């Protein structure tokens, strides 16, 4: 069940780095290039998981999704957030508890990569800022990862937003659960905050 990713190739990584550098030198936004790279990765991963059943999922989110005013210092497991309705982490904690998914709010990228290497899940579902997505693709190319850029940020590394519906759909589809009994992204205070 080996996942083959071009990101494992030093030549591919060098080509991506060159493309990003050329964008910056030309004064162009490298965001469209990164989004195309992520879309290509997601398509590869979707093909892979269509042929190989997923038994374990690791959900990784950056610490900056914690909303301003949250009193909890989340640096890892989300179980502490399960009863909270103040920010999207409560919704994510309830989703992961229902689906038996391990989740991590990463304080630093290196912590997320170390956890991924240690746990070796069948699939990672993650959201982060665009440059961190590229870093993840380079750091753990051997693990299939479905990725999505953050959808907004109040200011750098504060109050980031992510697509909770997308995260929910990826987890549900990967685990082959099509039940509607517990609608994972039912409208609620956190669903609105995540969008």
N, C-alpha and C. Protein backbone atom coordinates (compact mmCIF):
# COMPACT_ATOMS: atom_id res chain seq x y z
N UNK A 1 0.83 -1.19 0.00
CA UNK A 1 0.00 0.00 0.00
C UNK A 1 0.88 1.26 0.00
N UNK A 2 1.99 1.20 -0.69
CA UNK A 2 2.91 2.33 -0.74
C UNK A 2 2.30 3.46 -1.56
N UNK A 3 2.36 4.65 -0.98
CA UNK A 3 1.89 5.83 -1.69
C UNK A 3 3.06 6.45 -2.42
N UNK A 4 2.91 6.63 -3.73
CA UNK A 4 3.97 7.20 -4.54
C UNK A 4 3.66 8.68 -4.79
N UNK A 5 4.56 9.51 -4.35
CA UNK A 5 4.38 10.94 -4.52
C UNK A 5 5.60 11.54 -5.20
N UNK A 6 5.40 12.43 -6.16
CA UNK A 6 6.55 13.09 -6.78
C UNK A 6 7.34 13.94 -5.78
N UNK A 7 6.71 14.28 -4.64
CA UNK A 7 7.38 15.09 -3.63
C UNK A 7 8.54 14.33 -2.98
N UNK A 8 8.60 13.02 -3.17
CA UNK A 8 9.72 12.25 -2.65
C UNK A 8 10.98 12.47 -3.48
N UNK A 9 10.83 13.00 -4.69
CA UNK A 9 11.96 13.21 -5.59
C UNK A 9 12.63 14.56 -5.33
N UNK A 10 13.94 14.56 -5.10
CA UNK A 10 14.64 15.83 -4.92
C UNK A 10 14.52 16.75 -6.14
N UNK A 11 14.48 16.15 -7.34
CA UNK A 11 14.34 16.96 -8.56
C UNK A 11 12.99 17.67 -8.60
N UNK A 12 11.93 16.97 -8.21
CA UNK A 12 10.60 17.57 -8.20
C UNK A 12 10.56 18.72 -7.19
N UNK A 13 11.10 18.47 -6.00
CA UNK A 13 11.11 19.51 -4.97
C UNK A 13 11.92 20.72 -5.43
N UNK A 14 13.03 20.47 -6.10
CA UNK A 14 13.85 21.57 -6.61
C UNK A 14 13.09 22.35 -7.68
N UNK A 15 12.35 21.65 -8.53
CA UNK A 15 11.55 22.31 -9.56
C UNK A 15 10.47 23.20 -8.95
N UNK A 16 9.82 22.70 -7.90
CA UNK A 16 8.80 23.51 -7.21
C UNK A 16 9.45 24.74 -6.58
N UNK A 17 10.58 24.55 -5.92
CA UNK A 17 11.27 25.68 -5.30
C UNK A 17 11.66 26.73 -6.34
N UNK A 18 12.11 26.27 -7.50
CA UNK A 18 12.46 27.20 -8.58
C UNK A 18 11.24 27.95 -9.07
N UNK A 19 10.13 27.25 -9.25
CA UNK A 19 8.90 27.90 -9.69
C UNK A 19 8.42 28.95 -8.71
N UNK A 20 8.49 28.63 -7.42
CA UNK A 20 8.09 29.60 -6.40
C UNK A 20 9.01 30.82 -6.40
N UNK A 21 10.32 30.57 -6.54
CA UNK A 21 11.29 31.66 -6.57
C UNK A 21 11.06 32.57 -7.77
N UNK A 22 10.77 31.97 -8.93
CA UNK A 22 10.49 32.77 -10.14
C UNK A 22 9.24 33.63 -9.95
N UNK A 23 8.23 33.08 -9.31
CA UNK A 23 7.03 33.88 -9.03
C UNK A 23 7.38 35.10 -8.19
N UNK A 24 8.16 34.87 -7.14
CA UNK A 24 8.53 35.99 -6.25
C UNK A 24 9.39 37.02 -6.98
N UNK A 25 10.36 36.54 -7.80
CA UNK A 25 11.22 37.47 -8.55
C UNK A 25 10.42 38.30 -9.55
N UNK A 26 9.36 37.71 -10.10
CA UNK A 26 8.53 38.42 -11.06
C UNK A 26 7.47 39.29 -10.37
N UNK A 27 7.47 39.26 -9.05
CA UNK A 27 6.49 40.06 -8.31
C UNK A 27 5.09 39.49 -8.38
N UNK A 28 4.99 38.21 -8.67
CA UNK A 28 3.68 37.56 -8.78
C UNK A 28 3.38 36.75 -7.53
N UNK A 29 2.11 36.63 -7.24
CA UNK A 29 1.64 35.84 -6.11
C UNK A 29 1.88 34.36 -6.41
N UNK A 30 2.54 33.66 -5.48
CA UNK A 30 2.79 32.24 -5.70
C UNK A 30 1.60 31.38 -5.26
N UNK A 31 0.56 32.01 -4.72
CA UNK A 31 -0.62 31.28 -4.26
C UNK A 31 -1.25 30.40 -5.33
N UNK A 32 -1.48 30.90 -6.54
CA UNK A 32 -2.08 30.03 -7.57
C UNK A 32 -1.24 28.79 -7.86
N UNK A 33 0.08 28.94 -7.89
CA UNK A 33 0.96 27.79 -8.12
C UNK A 33 0.80 26.78 -6.98
N UNK A 34 0.82 27.25 -5.75
CA UNK A 34 0.69 26.36 -4.59
C UNK A 34 -0.66 25.66 -4.61
N UNK A 35 -1.73 26.40 -4.93
CA UNK A 35 -3.06 25.78 -4.98
C UNK A 35 -3.14 24.71 -6.05
N UNK A 36 -2.46 24.91 -7.20
CA UNK A 36 -2.43 23.86 -8.24
C UNK A 36 -1.66 22.64 -7.75
N UNK A 37 -0.55 22.85 -7.07
CA UNK A 37 0.23 21.74 -6.53
C UNK A 37 -0.59 20.94 -5.51
N UNK A 38 -1.32 21.65 -4.66
CA UNK A 38 -2.15 20.99 -3.65
C UNK A 38 -3.30 20.24 -4.33
N UNK A 39 -3.91 20.83 -5.34
CA UNK A 39 -5.00 20.15 -6.06
C UNK A 39 -4.49 18.87 -6.73
N UNK A 40 -3.28 18.92 -7.31
CA UNK A 40 -2.70 17.73 -7.93
C UNK A 40 -2.43 16.66 -6.87
N UNK A 41 -1.92 17.08 -5.72
CA UNK A 41 -1.68 16.14 -4.62
C UNK A 41 -2.99 15.50 -4.18
N UNK A 42 -4.02 16.31 -3.99
CA UNK A 42 -5.30 15.76 -3.54
C UNK A 42 -5.86 14.76 -4.54
N UNK A 43 -5.70 15.03 -5.84
CA UNK A 43 -6.17 14.09 -6.87
C UNK A 43 -5.40 12.77 -6.78
N UNK A 44 -4.08 12.84 -6.58
CA UNK A 44 -3.27 11.62 -6.42
C UNK A 44 -3.73 10.82 -5.21
N UNK A 45 -3.98 11.53 -4.11
CA UNK A 45 -4.38 10.86 -2.88
C UNK A 45 -5.76 10.23 -3.05
N UNK A 46 -6.68 10.94 -3.70
CA UNK A 46 -8.02 10.38 -3.93
C UNK A 46 -7.93 9.08 -4.73
N UNK A 47 -7.07 9.06 -5.76
CA UNK A 47 -6.90 7.83 -6.55
C UNK A 47 -6.32 6.72 -5.67
N UNK A 48 -5.37 7.08 -4.82
CA UNK A 48 -4.73 6.09 -3.95
C UNK A 48 -5.75 5.48 -2.98
N UNK A 49 -6.53 6.32 -2.30
CA UNK A 49 -7.45 5.79 -1.29
C UNK A 49 -8.65 5.09 -1.93
N UNK A 50 -8.89 5.35 -3.21
CA UNK A 50 -9.95 4.59 -3.90
C UNK A 50 -9.54 3.13 -4.06
N UNK A 51 -8.24 2.87 -4.13
CA UNK A 51 -7.73 1.50 -4.29
C UNK A 51 -7.32 0.84 -2.98
N UNK A 52 -7.07 1.66 -1.96
CA UNK A 52 -6.58 1.15 -0.68
C UNK A 52 -7.47 1.66 0.45
N UNK A 53 -8.15 0.77 1.17
CA UNK A 53 -9.04 1.22 2.24
C UNK A 53 -8.29 1.98 3.34
N UNK A 54 -8.95 2.98 3.86
CA UNK A 54 -8.37 3.80 4.93
C UNK A 54 -8.90 3.30 6.26
N UNK A 55 -7.99 2.93 7.14
CA UNK A 55 -8.38 2.49 8.48
C UNK A 55 -8.06 3.53 9.54
N UNK A 56 -7.04 4.35 9.29
CA UNK A 56 -6.66 5.35 10.28
C UNK A 56 -6.46 6.71 9.61
N UNK A 57 -7.02 7.73 10.25
CA UNK A 57 -6.93 9.10 9.75
C UNK A 57 -6.35 9.97 10.86
N UNK A 58 -5.43 10.83 10.48
CA UNK A 58 -4.89 11.83 11.38
C UNK A 58 -5.28 13.19 10.85
N UNK A 59 -6.00 13.95 11.64
CA UNK A 59 -6.43 15.29 11.27
C UNK A 59 -5.47 16.28 11.93
N UNK A 60 -4.87 17.14 11.11
CA UNK A 60 -3.91 18.12 11.64
C UNK A 60 -4.37 19.53 11.26
N UNK A 61 -4.44 20.38 12.28
CA UNK A 61 -4.82 21.78 12.08
C UNK A 61 -3.79 22.66 12.78
N UNK A 62 -3.57 23.87 12.28
CA UNK A 62 -2.60 24.76 12.93
C UNK A 62 -3.20 25.44 14.16
N UNK A 63 -2.36 25.81 15.08
CA UNK A 63 -2.84 26.45 16.31
C UNK A 63 -3.54 27.78 16.05
N UNK A 64 -3.24 28.41 14.92
CA UNK A 64 -3.83 29.73 14.65
C UNK A 64 -5.32 29.65 14.35
N UNK A 65 -5.91 28.45 14.27
CA UNK A 65 -7.36 28.39 14.08
C UNK A 65 -8.11 28.64 15.38
N UNK A 66 -7.40 28.54 16.50
CA UNK A 66 -8.03 28.89 17.77
C UNK A 66 -8.44 30.36 17.69
N UNK A 67 -9.67 30.63 17.98
CA UNK A 67 -10.19 31.98 17.82
C UNK A 67 -9.74 32.90 18.95
N UNK A 68 -9.59 34.20 18.65
CA UNK A 68 -9.20 35.15 19.69
C UNK A 68 -10.16 35.07 20.88
N UNK A 69 -9.62 35.12 22.06
CA UNK A 69 -10.45 35.07 23.26
C UNK A 69 -10.62 33.67 23.82
N UNK A 70 -10.16 32.65 23.11
CA UNK A 70 -10.26 31.27 23.61
C UNK A 70 -9.31 31.12 24.80
N UNK A 71 -9.82 30.69 25.96
CA UNK A 71 -8.97 30.59 27.15
C UNK A 71 -8.11 29.33 27.18
N UNK A 72 -8.36 28.39 26.29
CA UNK A 72 -7.65 27.11 26.33
C UNK A 72 -6.36 27.20 25.51
N UNK A 73 -5.28 26.72 26.07
CA UNK A 73 -4.00 26.69 25.36
C UNK A 73 -3.89 25.32 24.70
N UNK A 74 -4.42 25.22 23.49
CA UNK A 74 -4.45 23.94 22.79
C UNK A 74 -3.10 23.72 22.12
N UNK A 75 -2.40 22.70 22.53
CA UNK A 75 -1.11 22.34 21.94
C UNK A 75 -1.05 20.84 21.73
N UNK A 76 -2.04 20.31 21.10
CA UNK A 76 -2.04 18.87 20.87
C UNK A 76 -3.44 18.34 20.71
N UNK A 77 -3.83 17.43 21.57
CA UNK A 77 -5.09 16.73 21.48
C UNK A 77 -6.28 17.68 21.64
N UNK A 78 -7.37 17.38 20.93
CA UNK A 78 -8.54 18.26 20.94
C UNK A 78 -9.62 17.86 21.94
N UNK A 79 -9.43 16.80 22.70
CA UNK A 79 -10.51 16.33 23.57
C UNK A 79 -10.97 17.41 24.54
N UNK A 80 -10.09 18.30 24.94
CA UNK A 80 -10.46 19.37 25.87
C UNK A 80 -11.49 20.34 25.25
N UNK A 81 -11.57 20.36 23.91
CA UNK A 81 -12.46 21.29 23.21
C UNK A 81 -13.85 20.71 22.93
N UNK A 82 -14.07 19.43 23.22
CA UNK A 82 -15.29 18.75 22.78
C UNK A 82 -16.58 19.38 23.31
N UNK A 83 -16.55 19.97 24.49
CA UNK A 83 -17.77 20.54 25.06
C UNK A 83 -17.92 22.03 24.80
N UNK A 84 -16.98 22.62 24.06
CA UNK A 84 -16.99 24.06 23.83
C UNK A 84 -17.76 24.41 22.56
N UNK A 85 -18.46 25.52 22.60
CA UNK A 85 -19.18 26.02 21.42
C UNK A 85 -18.64 27.37 20.96
N UNK A 86 -17.48 27.78 21.48
CA UNK A 86 -17.00 29.13 21.20
C UNK A 86 -16.22 29.25 19.91
N UNK A 87 -15.60 28.17 19.44
CA UNK A 87 -14.83 28.25 18.20
C UNK A 87 -14.91 26.92 17.45
N UNK A 88 -14.42 26.87 16.22
CA UNK A 88 -14.53 25.66 15.40
C UNK A 88 -13.84 24.43 15.98
N UNK A 89 -12.92 24.60 16.91
CA UNK A 89 -12.24 23.43 17.47
C UNK A 89 -13.22 22.51 18.20
N UNK A 90 -14.27 23.07 18.77
CA UNK A 90 -15.29 22.23 19.41
C UNK A 90 -15.97 21.32 18.40
N UNK A 91 -16.31 21.87 17.24
CA UNK A 91 -16.91 21.07 16.17
C UNK A 91 -15.95 19.98 15.70
N UNK A 92 -14.69 20.34 15.53
CA UNK A 92 -13.70 19.37 15.08
C UNK A 92 -13.52 18.27 16.13
N UNK A 93 -13.48 18.64 17.40
CA UNK A 93 -13.32 17.65 18.47
C UNK A 93 -14.49 16.67 18.48
N UNK A 94 -15.69 17.16 18.27
CA UNK A 94 -16.85 16.27 18.24
C UNK A 94 -16.83 15.37 17.00
N UNK A 95 -16.41 15.93 15.86
CA UNK A 95 -16.29 15.13 14.63
C UNK A 95 -15.30 13.98 14.84
N UNK A 96 -14.14 14.29 15.38
CA UNK A 96 -13.13 13.26 15.54
C UNK A 96 -13.55 12.21 16.55
N UNK A 97 -14.26 12.62 17.60
CA UNK A 97 -14.74 11.65 18.58
C UNK A 97 -15.76 10.70 17.94
N UNK A 98 -16.68 11.24 17.13
CA UNK A 98 -17.70 10.40 16.48
C UNK A 98 -17.08 9.44 15.48
N UNK A 99 -16.04 9.88 14.79
CA UNK A 99 -15.47 9.09 13.69
C UNK A 99 -14.25 8.26 14.11
N UNK A 100 -13.80 8.39 15.35
CA UNK A 100 -12.64 7.65 15.79
C UNK A 100 -11.36 8.10 15.11
N UNK A 101 -11.27 9.39 14.87
CA UNK A 101 -10.12 9.97 14.17
C UNK A 101 -9.22 10.65 15.20
N UNK A 102 -7.94 10.47 15.05
CA UNK A 102 -6.97 11.16 15.90
C UNK A 102 -6.78 12.56 15.35
N UNK A 103 -6.79 13.56 16.21
CA UNK A 103 -6.64 14.95 15.76
C UNK A 103 -5.55 15.64 16.55
N UNK A 104 -4.92 16.58 15.90
CA UNK A 104 -3.83 17.33 16.50
C UNK A 104 -3.93 18.79 16.08
N UNK A 105 -3.81 19.67 17.06
CA UNK A 105 -3.59 21.08 16.76
C UNK A 105 -2.10 21.29 16.95
N UNK A 106 -1.42 21.53 15.85
CA UNK A 106 0.04 21.59 15.86
C UNK A 106 0.53 22.97 16.27
N UNK A 107 1.36 23.00 17.30
CA UNK A 107 1.95 24.25 17.74
C UNK A 107 3.04 24.68 16.76
N UNK A 108 3.75 23.73 16.22
CA UNK A 108 4.78 23.97 15.21
C UNK A 108 4.68 22.87 14.16
N UNK A 109 5.08 23.18 12.94
CA UNK A 109 5.04 22.21 11.85
C UNK A 109 5.83 20.95 12.20
N UNK A 110 6.97 21.13 12.81
CA UNK A 110 7.81 19.96 13.09
C UNK A 110 7.11 18.97 14.03
N UNK A 111 6.26 19.48 14.94
CA UNK A 111 5.50 18.58 15.82
C UNK A 111 4.51 17.76 15.00
N UNK A 112 3.86 18.40 14.06
CA UNK A 112 2.89 17.69 13.21
C UNK A 112 3.60 16.62 12.38
N UNK A 113 4.75 16.96 11.80
CA UNK A 113 5.48 15.99 10.97
C UNK A 113 5.97 14.82 11.82
N UNK A 114 6.44 15.11 13.03
CA UNK A 114 6.92 14.03 13.91
C UNK A 114 5.78 13.10 14.27
N UNK A 115 4.60 13.67 14.56
CA UNK A 115 3.46 12.83 14.90
C UNK A 115 3.05 11.98 13.71
N UNK A 116 3.05 12.56 12.53
CA UNK A 116 2.68 11.81 11.32
C UNK A 116 3.64 10.64 11.11
N UNK A 117 4.94 10.88 11.27
CA UNK A 117 5.93 9.81 11.09
C UNK A 117 5.78 8.73 12.15
N UNK A 118 5.46 9.15 13.37
CA UNK A 118 5.33 8.18 14.46
C UNK A 118 4.06 7.33 14.30
N UNK A 119 2.95 7.97 13.97
CA UNK A 119 1.67 7.25 13.90
C UNK A 119 1.46 6.53 12.57
N UNK A 120 2.09 7.02 11.49
CA UNK A 120 1.95 6.40 10.17
C UNK A 120 0.49 6.11 9.81
N UNK A 121 -0.38 7.13 9.82
CA UNK A 121 -1.78 6.89 9.47
C UNK A 121 -1.91 6.52 8.00
N UNK A 122 -3.04 5.92 7.66
CA UNK A 122 -3.32 5.64 6.26
C UNK A 122 -3.59 6.92 5.48
N UNK A 123 -4.04 7.96 6.20
CA UNK A 123 -4.38 9.23 5.56
C UNK A 123 -4.24 10.37 6.55
N UNK A 124 -3.73 11.49 6.05
CA UNK A 124 -3.73 12.74 6.81
C UNK A 124 -4.72 13.67 6.12
N UNK A 125 -5.54 14.36 6.91
CA UNK A 125 -6.38 15.45 6.43
C UNK A 125 -5.90 16.68 7.17
N UNK A 126 -5.51 17.72 6.43
CA UNK A 126 -4.92 18.88 7.09
C UNK A 126 -5.31 20.17 6.39
N UNK A 127 -5.29 21.23 7.18
CA UNK A 127 -5.48 22.57 6.65
C UNK A 127 -4.40 23.45 7.27
N UNK A 128 -3.84 24.32 6.45
CA UNK A 128 -2.78 25.21 6.94
C UNK A 128 -2.62 26.34 5.93
N UNK A 129 -1.77 27.31 6.25
CA UNK A 129 -1.50 28.36 5.27
C UNK A 129 -0.69 27.75 4.13
N UNK A 130 -0.70 28.41 2.98
CA UNK A 130 -0.17 27.81 1.76
C UNK A 130 1.29 27.40 1.87
N UNK A 131 2.14 28.24 2.46
CA UNK A 131 3.56 27.87 2.52
C UNK A 131 3.77 26.65 3.41
N UNK A 132 2.93 26.47 4.44
CA UNK A 132 3.04 25.30 5.32
C UNK A 132 2.55 24.03 4.61
N UNK A 133 1.61 24.17 3.70
CA UNK A 133 1.16 23.00 2.93
C UNK A 133 2.31 22.46 2.08
N UNK A 134 3.07 23.37 1.45
CA UNK A 134 4.22 22.94 0.66
C UNK A 134 5.25 22.28 1.57
N UNK A 135 5.46 22.86 2.73
CA UNK A 135 6.41 22.27 3.68
C UNK A 135 5.98 20.86 4.07
N UNK A 136 4.69 20.65 4.28
CA UNK A 136 4.17 19.32 4.63
C UNK A 136 4.39 18.33 3.49
N UNK A 137 4.13 18.75 2.27
CA UNK A 137 4.32 17.87 1.12
C UNK A 137 5.78 17.43 1.00
N UNK A 138 6.69 18.35 1.29
CA UNK A 138 8.12 18.02 1.24
C UNK A 138 8.54 17.13 2.41
N UNK A 139 7.98 17.38 3.59
CA UNK A 139 8.45 16.73 4.81
C UNK A 139 8.00 15.27 4.94
N UNK A 140 6.77 14.96 4.56
CA UNK A 140 6.26 13.59 4.72
C UNK A 140 5.58 13.12 3.43
N UNK A 141 6.34 13.03 2.33
CA UNK A 141 5.72 12.66 1.06
C UNK A 141 5.21 11.22 1.03
N UNK A 142 5.70 10.39 1.94
CA UNK A 142 5.33 8.98 1.94
C UNK A 142 3.94 8.71 2.52
N UNK A 143 3.35 9.70 3.16
CA UNK A 143 2.02 9.52 3.76
C UNK A 143 0.99 10.28 2.93
N UNK A 144 -0.06 9.61 2.45
CA UNK A 144 -1.09 10.31 1.68
C UNK A 144 -1.72 11.41 2.53
N UNK A 145 -1.80 12.61 1.97
CA UNK A 145 -2.36 13.74 2.71
C UNK A 145 -3.29 14.54 1.82
N UNK A 146 -4.54 14.70 2.28
CA UNK A 146 -5.49 15.60 1.62
C UNK A 146 -5.36 16.94 2.32
N UNK A 147 -5.11 17.98 1.53
CA UNK A 147 -4.77 19.28 2.09
C UNK A 147 -5.70 20.38 1.59
N UNK A 148 -5.91 21.37 2.43
CA UNK A 148 -6.68 22.55 2.03
C UNK A 148 -6.06 23.78 2.68
N UNK A 149 -5.92 24.86 1.89
CA UNK A 149 -5.41 26.09 2.50
C UNK A 149 -6.43 26.67 3.48
N UNK A 150 -5.94 27.40 4.44
CA UNK A 150 -6.83 28.15 5.33
C UNK A 150 -7.63 29.12 4.47
N UNK A 151 -8.82 29.48 4.94
CA UNK A 151 -9.70 30.33 4.13
C UNK A 151 -9.66 31.79 4.55
N UNK A 152 -8.92 32.11 5.57
CA UNK A 152 -8.82 33.50 5.99
C UNK A 152 -8.10 33.60 7.31
N UNK A 153 -7.70 34.83 7.66
CA UNK A 153 -6.98 35.03 8.90
C UNK A 153 -7.22 36.47 9.36
N UNK A 154 -7.47 36.65 10.65
CA UNK A 154 -7.68 37.98 11.19
C UNK A 154 -6.42 38.83 11.03
N UNK A 155 -5.30 38.25 11.37
CA UNK A 155 -3.97 38.82 11.16
C UNK A 155 -3.00 37.64 11.18
N UNK A 156 -1.75 37.83 10.80
CA UNK A 156 -0.84 36.67 10.71
C UNK A 156 -0.86 35.80 11.95
N UNK A 157 -1.17 34.53 11.74
CA UNK A 157 -1.17 33.49 12.77
C UNK A 157 -2.22 33.69 13.87
N UNK A 158 -3.26 34.47 13.61
CA UNK A 158 -4.31 34.70 14.60
C UNK A 158 -5.68 34.61 13.93
N UNK A 159 -6.58 33.89 14.56
CA UNK A 159 -7.97 33.84 14.09
C UNK A 159 -8.15 33.26 12.70
N UNK A 160 -7.37 32.26 12.35
CA UNK A 160 -7.49 31.66 11.01
C UNK A 160 -8.79 30.90 10.88
N UNK A 161 -9.27 30.84 9.67
CA UNK A 161 -10.49 30.10 9.37
C UNK A 161 -10.16 28.97 8.41
N UNK A 162 -10.93 27.90 8.50
CA UNK A 162 -10.72 26.76 7.62
C UNK A 162 -12.08 26.24 7.20
N UNK A 163 -12.10 25.41 6.18
CA UNK A 163 -13.34 24.89 5.62
C UNK A 163 -13.76 23.63 6.38
N UNK A 164 -14.58 23.80 7.41
CA UNK A 164 -15.03 22.70 8.25
C UNK A 164 -15.82 21.67 7.44
N UNK A 165 -16.61 22.14 6.49
CA UNK A 165 -17.38 21.22 5.66
C UNK A 165 -16.44 20.34 4.85
N UNK A 166 -15.40 20.92 4.26
CA UNK A 166 -14.43 20.14 3.48
C UNK A 166 -13.76 19.09 4.37
N UNK A 167 -13.30 19.50 5.55
CA UNK A 167 -12.65 18.57 6.47
C UNK A 167 -13.59 17.41 6.79
N UNK A 168 -14.83 17.74 7.13
CA UNK A 168 -15.82 16.72 7.47
C UNK A 168 -16.05 15.76 6.31
N UNK A 169 -16.20 16.30 5.11
CA UNK A 169 -16.45 15.46 3.94
C UNK A 169 -15.27 14.55 3.64
N UNK A 170 -14.04 15.03 3.82
CA UNK A 170 -12.86 14.20 3.56
C UNK A 170 -12.79 13.04 4.55
N UNK A 171 -13.04 13.32 5.81
CA UNK A 171 -13.02 12.27 6.83
C UNK A 171 -14.11 11.25 6.56
N UNK A 172 -15.31 11.73 6.30
CA UNK A 172 -16.44 10.84 6.05
C UNK A 172 -16.19 9.97 4.82
N UNK A 173 -15.73 10.57 3.73
CA UNK A 173 -15.49 9.81 2.50
C UNK A 173 -14.35 8.80 2.68
N UNK A 174 -13.29 9.20 3.36
CA UNK A 174 -12.14 8.31 3.54
C UNK A 174 -12.50 7.09 4.36
N UNK A 175 -13.34 7.29 5.37
CA UNK A 175 -13.70 6.17 6.23
C UNK A 175 -14.91 5.40 5.71
N UNK A 176 -15.46 5.86 4.58
CA UNK A 176 -16.58 5.14 3.97
C UNK A 176 -17.86 5.22 4.76
N UNK A 177 -18.03 6.30 5.50
CA UNK A 177 -19.25 6.46 6.29
C UNK A 177 -20.16 7.44 5.59
N UNK A 178 -21.31 6.95 5.20
CA UNK A 178 -22.27 7.80 4.50
C UNK A 178 -23.53 8.04 5.32
N UNK A 179 -23.45 7.74 6.61
CA UNK A 179 -24.64 7.90 7.44
C UNK A 179 -24.97 9.38 7.60
N UNK A 180 -26.25 9.66 7.73
CA UNK A 180 -26.70 11.03 7.95
C UNK A 180 -27.28 11.21 9.34
N UNK A 181 -27.21 10.16 10.15
CA UNK A 181 -27.80 10.21 11.47
C UNK A 181 -27.15 11.28 12.33
N UNK A 182 -25.85 11.44 12.19
CA UNK A 182 -25.16 12.48 12.94
C UNK A 182 -24.52 13.43 11.95
N UNK A 183 -25.27 14.37 11.47
CA UNK A 183 -24.80 15.30 10.45
C UNK A 183 -23.62 16.08 11.00
N UNK A 184 -22.42 15.75 10.51
CA UNK A 184 -21.19 16.33 11.05
C UNK A 184 -21.09 17.82 10.86
N UNK A 185 -21.72 18.36 9.84
CA UNK A 185 -21.58 19.80 9.66
C UNK A 185 -22.94 20.48 9.70
N UNK A 186 -23.73 20.05 10.68
CA UNK A 186 -25.02 20.70 10.89
C UNK A 186 -24.77 22.16 11.26
N UNK A 187 -25.70 22.98 10.90
CA UNK A 187 -25.56 24.40 11.20
C UNK A 187 -25.47 24.58 12.71
N UNK A 188 -24.62 25.42 13.13
CA UNK A 188 -24.44 25.69 14.53
C UNK A 188 -23.46 26.83 14.69
N UNK A 189 -23.20 27.26 15.90
CA UNK A 189 -22.35 28.41 16.11
C UNK A 189 -20.94 28.20 15.58
N UNK A 190 -20.44 26.99 15.67
CA UNK A 190 -19.06 26.75 15.22
C UNK A 190 -19.00 26.56 13.71
N UNK A 191 -20.02 25.98 13.12
CA UNK A 191 -20.01 25.80 11.67
C UNK A 191 -19.93 27.15 10.98
N UNK A 192 -20.67 28.11 11.48
CA UNK A 192 -20.64 29.43 10.88
C UNK A 192 -19.28 30.09 11.07
N UNK A 193 -18.68 29.88 12.25
CA UNK A 193 -17.40 30.51 12.52
C UNK A 193 -16.29 29.94 11.66
N UNK A 194 -16.42 28.67 11.27
CA UNK A 194 -15.35 28.04 10.49
C UNK A 194 -15.36 28.47 9.05
N UNK A 195 -16.49 28.89 8.52
CA UNK A 195 -16.60 29.24 7.11
C UNK A 195 -16.14 30.60 6.83
